[in-house]
Amino acid sequence: VGDDARRGTGVWSVETWPDGKRYLTGAAHGVGHRDYPGLGWTVVARQPLDSAYASLRVLSRDIMLAGAALAVLFGLGGWFIANHISRPLADITQAADRLRQGEDVPIPLHQGVPEIEILSGSLRALVESLTKSETARDRMQRLATRDPLTGLINRLGLSEHLSTTLPRLKREGGVLEVLCLDLDGFKLVNDRLGHAAGDDLLREVARRLEGCLRGGDMVARLGGDEFMVLTEGRDPEAVGNMERLAARIIAEVGRPVALGAGQGEGAGNVIASVTANIALSATTTANVGVSIGGAIWPRHGESFEVAAARADEALYAAKRAGKNVLRMHGQG
């Protein structure tokens, strides 16, 4: 028996026995009867370590398995909670990115997590408010840059168009073909048939001018019966392009225009010219022409204003030449 067991200094200990093996060893000592003080006893018990620690190893294994199971459960629970929170945030982020790219998509509403529910609702309300503000701003912008009668862009819209077009053409080496237009005979129609008929005529002329243009070309109403057409091109072909376009415009504008009867002060002159007892019919036909002056930016002016002024000078040369024709700057 080991020394510790012999001395009884411990209840149990791991001892190496004479056979060279280690055992879990316990020893208990007793004293003799009071009448026999020299008589004592000792009880020694041993158990191989493998057998003694078998239940401990099972317990350790069970603890490790339980710990691993709890770790997996906590991990799955954490993943589920994180996914429950992150998925709505990902949906909101994706919708925000699509909005930034110009798509019309709503911010999704998510319920279940109070904070995300509040966030998605607030963002949705913010986007709707901004959309309404932008729509109103676009409407005001359109009203500010469009002619209310014809729907063509006005002088302000023309200025905005030029602010982006001229720098781009300068970088690309292109030119801007400028055509100034003025209707021939419009004042007579306006005076005889009234302003309502004159408005009908201007709307129809605007529609026909737009029909003569290619994609990317632009027509503006500058005021009254004055229009401006801008087309992009290359310098060598610019004059030929302008001549062909002017021929189309003259042909289209020169076709008869059916107008509603004017109610202005000039309507009575038409009635009197027919008969004093016959009212003007519900519709009448008007014929007008168009004089056109042309210039090319930057060939005819470093600034657009100079080129436009020279196109306007060419317009008056066209009127002096008999109207309903094109005159280019420098053509005489």
Protein backbone atom coordinates (compact mmCIF):
# COMPACT_ATOMS: atom_id res chain seq x y z
CA VAL A 1 0.00 0.00 0.00
CA GLY A 2 1.26 3.48 -0.71
CA ASP A 3 2.70 5.72 1.93
CA ASP A 4 -0.29 8.07 1.91
CA ALA A 5 -2.67 5.21 2.39
CA ARG A 6 -0.52 3.76 5.18
CA ARG A 7 -0.27 7.06 6.95
CA GLY A 8 -3.94 7.69 6.48
CA THR A 9 -3.24 11.28 5.51
CA GLY A 10 -5.94 11.27 2.87
CA VAL A 11 -9.26 9.68 2.27
CA TRP A 12 -8.11 8.64 -1.22
CA SER A 13 -5.18 9.07 -3.55
CA VAL A 14 -3.75 7.71 -6.77
CA GLU A 15 -1.09 5.15 -5.86
CA THR A 16 1.36 3.06 -7.86
CA TRP A 17 1.17 -0.47 -6.62
CA PRO A 18 3.91 -3.11 -6.74
CA ASP A 19 2.55 -4.45 -10.02
CA GLY A 20 3.54 -1.14 -11.58
CA LYS A 21 -0.02 0.00 -12.22
CA ARG A 22 -1.74 3.05 -10.83
CA TYR A 23 -4.86 2.66 -8.80
CA LEU A 24 -7.31 4.93 -7.12
CA THR A 25 -6.62 3.86 -3.54
CA GLY A 26 -8.55 4.58 -0.38
CA ALA A 27 -7.64 3.65 3.16
CA ALA A 28 -9.58 3.79 6.40
CA HIS A 29 -8.02 3.30 9.86
CA GLY A 30 -9.71 2.37 13.09
CA VAL A 31 -8.54 2.30 16.70
CA GLY A 32 -8.92 -0.66 19.00
CA HIS A 33 -11.46 -1.16 21.69
CA ARG A 34 -10.94 0.90 24.82
CA ASP A 35 -10.17 -2.28 26.68
CA TYR A 36 -7.64 -3.28 24.01
CA PRO A 37 -5.74 -0.15 23.05
CA GLY A 38 -3.18 -2.07 20.96
CA LEU A 39 -5.78 -3.58 18.69
CA GLY A 40 -6.51 -1.41 15.59
CA TRP A 41 -7.63 -2.01 12.00
CA THR A 42 -7.02 -0.65 8.54
CA VAL A 43 -9.18 -1.14 5.45
CA VAL A 44 -7.58 -0.52 2.04
CA ALA A 45 -9.53 -0.46 -1.25
CA ARG A 46 -8.28 0.12 -4.74
CA GLN A 47 -9.75 0.47 -8.23
CA PRO A 48 -7.98 0.70 -11.57
CA LEU A 49 -7.93 4.28 -12.84
CA ASP A 50 -9.76 3.38 -16.05
CA SER A 51 -12.66 1.98 -14.07
CA ALA A 52 -12.55 4.70 -11.44
CA TYR A 53 -12.59 7.54 -14.00
CA ALA A 54 -15.05 5.93 -16.41
CA SER A 55 -18.07 7.80 -15.00
CA LEU A 56 -16.03 11.03 -14.95
CA ARG A 57 -15.14 10.60 -18.60
CA VAL A 58 -18.81 9.99 -19.44
CA LEU A 59 -19.75 13.10 -17.49
CA SER A 60 -17.04 15.14 -19.28
CA ARG A 61 -18.24 13.86 -22.64
CA ASP A 62 -21.83 14.68 -21.79
CA ILE A 63 -20.83 18.19 -20.69
CA MET A 64 -18.90 18.74 -23.92
CA LEU A 65 -21.78 17.44 -26.04
CA ALA A 66 -24.26 19.60 -24.16
CA GLY A 67 -21.96 22.61 -24.55
CA ALA A 68 -21.58 21.98 -28.28
CA ALA A 69 -25.35 21.56 -28.69
CA LEU A 70 -25.99 24.76 -26.78
CA ALA A 71 -23.38 26.56 -28.91
CA VAL A 72 -25.09 25.36 -32.10
CA LEU A 73 -28.50 26.36 -30.77
CA PHE A 74 -27.26 29.79 -29.71
CA GLY A 75 -25.52 30.16 -33.10
CA LEU A 76 -28.67 29.26 -35.01
CA GLY A 77 -30.72 31.53 -32.82
CA GLY A 78 -28.28 34.39 -33.35
CA TRP A 79 -28.25 33.76 -37.11
CA PHE A 80 -32.05 33.75 -37.22
CA ILE A 81 -32.28 36.97 -35.21
CA ALA A 82 -29.57 38.65 -37.28
CA ASN A 83 -31.25 37.54 -40.52
CA HIS A 84 -34.61 38.72 -39.21
CA ILE A 85 -33.07 42.16 -38.71
CA SER A 86 -30.65 42.32 -41.66
CA ARG A 87 -33.02 41.09 -44.39
CA PRO A 88 -35.44 44.04 -44.04
CA LEU A 89 -32.46 46.40 -43.92
CA ALA A 90 -31.11 44.82 -47.13
CA ASP A 91 -34.51 45.25 -48.80
CA ILE A 92 -34.63 48.90 -47.77
CA THR A 93 -31.06 49.47 -48.97
CA GLN A 94 -31.78 47.83 -52.33
CA ALA A 95 -34.89 49.96 -52.80
CA ALA A 96 -32.89 53.10 -51.91
CA ASP A 97 -30.22 52.19 -54.49
CA ARG A 98 -32.86 51.70 -57.19
CA LEU A 99 -34.39 55.04 -56.29
CA ARG A 100 -30.96 56.66 -56.60
CA GLN A 101 -30.66 55.18 -60.09
CA GLY A 102 -33.94 56.80 -61.10
CA GLU A 103 -36.35 53.87 -60.80
CA ASP A 104 -39.81 54.48 -59.39
CA VAL A 105 -39.96 51.94 -56.56
CA PRO A 106 -41.51 52.27 -53.09
CA ILE A 107 -39.58 51.75 -49.86
CA PRO A 108 -40.82 48.36 -48.51
CA LEU A 109 -42.68 48.38 -45.21
CA HIS A 110 -41.51 45.74 -42.69
CA GLN A 111 -43.27 44.74 -39.49
CA GLY A 112 -42.05 42.64 -36.62
CA VAL A 113 -39.06 44.63 -35.42
CA PRO A 114 -40.31 47.96 -34.01
CA GLU A 115 -37.17 49.91 -34.88
CA ILE A 116 -37.12 48.66 -38.50
CA GLU A 117 -40.84 49.24 -38.81
CA ILE A 118 -40.35 52.85 -37.73
CA LEU A 119 -37.33 53.24 -40.04
CA SER A 120 -39.07 51.84 -43.14
CA GLY A 121 -42.19 53.89 -42.48
CA SER A 122 -40.20 57.10 -42.01
CA LEU A 123 -38.12 56.50 -45.14
CA ARG A 124 -41.23 55.70 -47.17
CA ALA A 125 -42.91 58.91 -46.01
CA LEU A 126 -39.73 60.88 -46.76
CA VAL A 127 -39.43 59.47 -50.28
CA GLU A 128 -43.10 60.14 -51.01
CA SER A 129 -42.70 63.69 -49.77
CA LEU A 130 -39.57 64.24 -51.86
CA THR A 131 -41.27 62.70 -54.91
CA LYS A 132 -44.23 65.03 -54.56
CA SER A 133 -41.88 68.00 -54.12
CA GLU A 134 -39.84 66.95 -57.15
CA THR A 135 -42.98 66.46 -59.23
CA ALA A 136 -44.19 69.92 -58.27
CA ARG A 137 -40.75 71.35 -59.01
CA ASP A 138 -40.67 69.61 -62.41
CA ARG A 139 -44.13 70.96 -63.16
CA MET A 140 -43.02 74.48 -62.25
CA GLN A 141 -39.83 74.01 -64.25
CA ARG A 142 -41.85 72.93 -67.27
CA LEU A 143 -44.17 75.90 -66.91
CA ALA A 144 -41.17 78.21 -66.69
CA THR A 145 -39.36 76.79 -69.72
CA ARG A 146 -42.31 75.99 -72.03
CA ASP A 147 -44.50 78.21 -74.15
CA PRO A 148 -48.03 77.74 -72.76
CA LEU A 149 -49.69 78.14 -76.17
CA THR A 150 -47.66 75.75 -78.34
CA GLY A 151 -45.84 73.60 -75.78
CA LEU A 152 -42.50 74.44 -77.43
CA ILE A 153 -39.61 75.57 -75.28
CA ASN A 154 -39.35 79.31 -74.72
CA ARG A 155 -36.34 81.59 -74.40
CA LEU A 156 -35.54 80.30 -70.89
CA GLY A 157 -35.78 76.69 -72.10
CA LEU A 158 -33.57 77.59 -75.06
CA SER A 159 -30.96 79.02 -72.70
CA GLU A 160 -30.95 75.83 -70.61
CA HIS A 161 -30.67 73.70 -73.74
CA LEU A 162 -27.69 75.72 -74.98
CA SER A 163 -25.92 75.57 -71.60
CA THR A 164 -25.33 71.83 -72.10
CA THR A 165 -25.36 71.57 -75.91
CA LEU A 166 -22.69 74.17 -76.76
CA PRO A 167 -19.94 72.79 -74.46
CA ARG A 168 -20.59 69.27 -75.75
CA LEU A 169 -20.43 70.32 -79.42
CA LYS A 170 -17.25 72.26 -78.71
CA ARG A 171 -15.64 69.15 -77.24
CA GLU A 172 -16.84 66.97 -80.11
CA GLY A 173 -15.96 69.44 -82.87
CA GLY A 174 -19.57 69.75 -84.03
CA VAL A 175 -21.54 72.79 -85.15
CA LEU A 176 -24.97 74.17 -84.34
CA GLU A 177 -27.15 75.07 -87.31
CA VAL A 178 -29.33 78.06 -86.40
CA LEU A 179 -32.53 78.84 -88.33
CA CYS A 180 -34.61 81.91 -87.43
CA LEU A 181 -38.20 81.69 -88.70
CA ASP A 182 -40.92 84.31 -89.08
CA LEU A 183 -44.37 83.59 -90.49
CA ASP A 184 -45.45 85.48 -93.61
CA GLY A 185 -49.09 86.60 -93.52
CA PHE A 186 -49.73 85.78 -89.88
CA LYS A 187 -50.72 89.34 -88.96
CA LEU A 188 -53.39 89.35 -91.65
CA VAL A 189 -54.90 86.10 -90.30
CA ASN A 190 -54.76 87.41 -86.75
CA ASP A 191 -56.40 90.73 -87.69
CA ARG A 192 -59.15 89.27 -89.89
CA LEU A 193 -60.03 86.09 -88.03
CA GLY A 194 -59.20 87.12 -84.48
CA HIS A 195 -56.70 86.05 -81.87
CA ALA A 196 -58.32 82.66 -81.24
CA ALA A 197 -57.80 81.71 -84.88
CA GLY A 198 -54.26 83.11 -84.69
CA ASP A 199 -53.59 80.88 -81.67
CA ASP A 200 -54.92 77.85 -83.58
CA LEU A 201 -52.59 78.71 -86.45
CA LEU A 202 -49.55 79.00 -84.16
CA ARG A 203 -50.29 75.66 -82.51
CA GLU A 204 -50.59 73.95 -85.90
CA VAL A 205 -47.39 75.57 -87.19
CA ALA A 206 -45.56 74.40 -84.04
CA ARG A 207 -46.81 70.84 -84.61
CA ARG A 208 -45.66 70.90 -88.25
CA LEU A 209 -42.25 72.29 -87.33
CA GLU A 210 -41.71 69.48 -84.82
CA GLY A 211 -42.68 67.01 -87.54
CA CYS A 212 -39.88 68.31 -89.77
CA LEU A 213 -37.13 67.67 -87.21
CA ARG A 214 -34.91 64.68 -86.53
CA GLY A 215 -34.27 63.26 -83.09
CA GLY A 216 -32.04 65.65 -81.17
CA ASP A 217 -33.15 68.70 -83.17
CA MET A 218 -35.06 71.41 -81.33
CA VAL A 219 -37.57 74.16 -82.10
CA ALA A 220 -38.39 77.07 -79.80
CA ARG A 221 -41.00 79.78 -79.91
CA LEU A 222 -39.33 83.10 -79.20
CA GLY A 223 -42.56 85.14 -79.16
CA GLY A 224 -45.39 86.14 -81.47
CA ASP A 225 -44.87 84.33 -84.78
CA GLU A 226 -41.08 84.03 -84.34
CA PHE A 227 -39.50 80.58 -84.02
CA MET A 228 -35.96 79.22 -83.88
CA VAL A 229 -34.82 75.77 -85.05
CA LEU A 230 -31.50 74.30 -83.87
CA THR A 231 -29.90 71.22 -85.41
CA GLU A 232 -26.54 69.61 -84.74
CA GLY A 233 -24.13 68.60 -87.48
CA ARG A 234 -20.67 68.85 -89.01
CA ASP A 235 -19.40 72.01 -90.64
CA PRO A 236 -18.82 70.65 -94.19
CA GLU A 237 -22.41 69.39 -94.49
CA ALA A 238 -24.10 72.15 -92.46
CA VAL A 239 -25.27 74.38 -95.32
CA GLY A 240 -26.70 71.47 -97.32
CA ASN A 241 -28.51 70.15 -94.24
CA MET A 242 -30.00 73.57 -93.52
CA GLU A 243 -31.18 74.01 -97.10
CA ARG A 244 -32.94 70.64 -97.10
CA LEU A 245 -34.51 71.28 -93.71
CA ALA A 246 -35.64 74.78 -94.75
CA ALA A 247 -37.26 73.34 -97.89
CA ARG A 248 -39.25 70.85 -95.76
CA ILE A 249 -40.31 73.58 -93.35
CA ILE A 250 -41.45 75.93 -96.13
CA ALA A 251 -43.45 73.14 -97.75
CA GLU A 252 -45.08 72.03 -94.49
CA VAL A 253 -45.92 75.49 -93.17
CA GLY A 254 -47.25 76.53 -96.58
CA ARG A 255 -49.97 73.89 -96.59
CA PRO A 256 -53.48 75.29 -95.86
CA VAL A 257 -54.45 75.35 -92.19
CA ALA A 258 -58.06 74.73 -91.09
CA LEU A 259 -58.95 77.12 -88.28
CA GLY A 260 -61.91 77.59 -85.98
CA ALA A 261 -63.85 80.80 -86.59
CA GLY A 262 -62.25 83.73 -84.83
CA GLN A 263 -64.31 85.81 -82.46
CA GLY A 264 -61.97 88.78 -82.35
CA GLU A 265 -62.66 92.25 -83.56
CA GLY A 266 -61.40 91.38 -87.06
CA ALA A 267 -64.01 88.70 -87.64
CA GLY A 268 -66.62 91.23 -88.73
CA ASN A 269 -64.40 92.38 -91.61
CA VAL A 270 -64.42 88.87 -93.07
CA ILE A 271 -68.17 88.60 -92.72
CA ALA A 272 -68.67 91.97 -94.36
CA SER A 273 -66.43 90.97 -97.22
CA VAL A 274 -68.72 88.03 -97.98
CA THR A 275 -72.14 89.34 -97.05
CA ALA A 276 -73.53 91.29 -94.19
CA ASN A 277 -76.20 88.68 -93.54
CA ILE A 278 -74.11 85.47 -93.57
CA ALA A 279 -72.19 84.43 -90.46
CA LEU A 280 -68.63 83.10 -90.66
CA SER A 281 -68.64 79.30 -90.91
CA ALA A 282 -67.46 77.14 -88.05
CA THR A 283 -64.11 76.60 -89.78
CA THR A 284 -62.10 78.52 -92.32
CA THR A 285 -58.81 77.97 -94.11
CA ALA A 286 -55.72 80.11 -93.81
CA ASN A 287 -52.52 80.11 -95.80
CA VAL A 288 -49.24 81.49 -94.48
CA GLY A 289 -45.63 81.25 -95.53
CA VAL A 290 -42.36 81.34 -93.61
CA SER A 291 -39.17 83.31 -94.15
CA ILE A 292 -35.98 81.71 -92.81
CA GLY A 293 -32.55 83.10 -91.99
CA GLY A 294 -29.64 80.78 -91.27
CA ALA A 295 -26.24 80.92 -89.59
CA ILE A 296 -23.78 78.36 -88.25
CA TRP A 297 -22.16 78.40 -84.82
CA PRO A 298 -19.20 78.80 -84.40
CA ARG A 299 -18.42 79.55 -88.07
CA HIS A 300 -20.52 82.73 -88.03
CA GLY A 301 -19.75 83.79 -84.48
CA GLU A 302 -17.65 82.63 -81.55
CA SER A 303 -20.64 83.10 -79.27
CA PHE A 304 -24.10 81.75 -79.90
CA GLU A 305 -25.55 85.23 -79.47
CA VAL A 306 -23.51 86.53 -82.39
CA ALA A 307 -24.46 83.57 -84.61
CA ALA A 308 -28.15 83.98 -83.68
CA ALA A 309 -28.02 87.72 -84.46
CA ARG A 310 -26.56 86.96 -87.89
CA ALA A 311 -29.26 84.38 -88.55
CA ASP A 312 -31.82 87.04 -87.62
CA GLU A 313 -30.19 89.48 -90.07
CA ALA A 314 -30.40 86.80 -92.76
CA LEU A 315 -34.11 86.38 -91.92
CA TYR A 316 -34.80 90.01 -92.84
CA ALA A 317 -32.79 89.53 -96.00
CA ALA A 318 -35.14 86.64 -96.84
CA LYS A 319 -38.16 88.89 -96.33
CA ARG A 320 -36.63 91.53 -98.58
CA ALA A 321 -35.98 88.85 -101.19
CA GLY A 322 -39.70 88.11 -101.50
CA LYS A 323 -40.46 86.02 -98.36
CA ASN A 324 -41.06 82.28 -98.04
CA VAL A 325 -37.38 81.56 -98.76
CA LEU A 326 -34.12 80.76 -96.95
CA ARG A 327 -31.21 83.15 -96.78
CA MET A 328 -27.92 82.14 -95.18
CA HIS A 329 -25.65 84.66 -93.46
CA GLY A 330 -23.35 86.20 -96.04
CA GLN A 331 -25.50 85.06 -98.93
CA GLY A 332 -26.52 88.64 -99.82
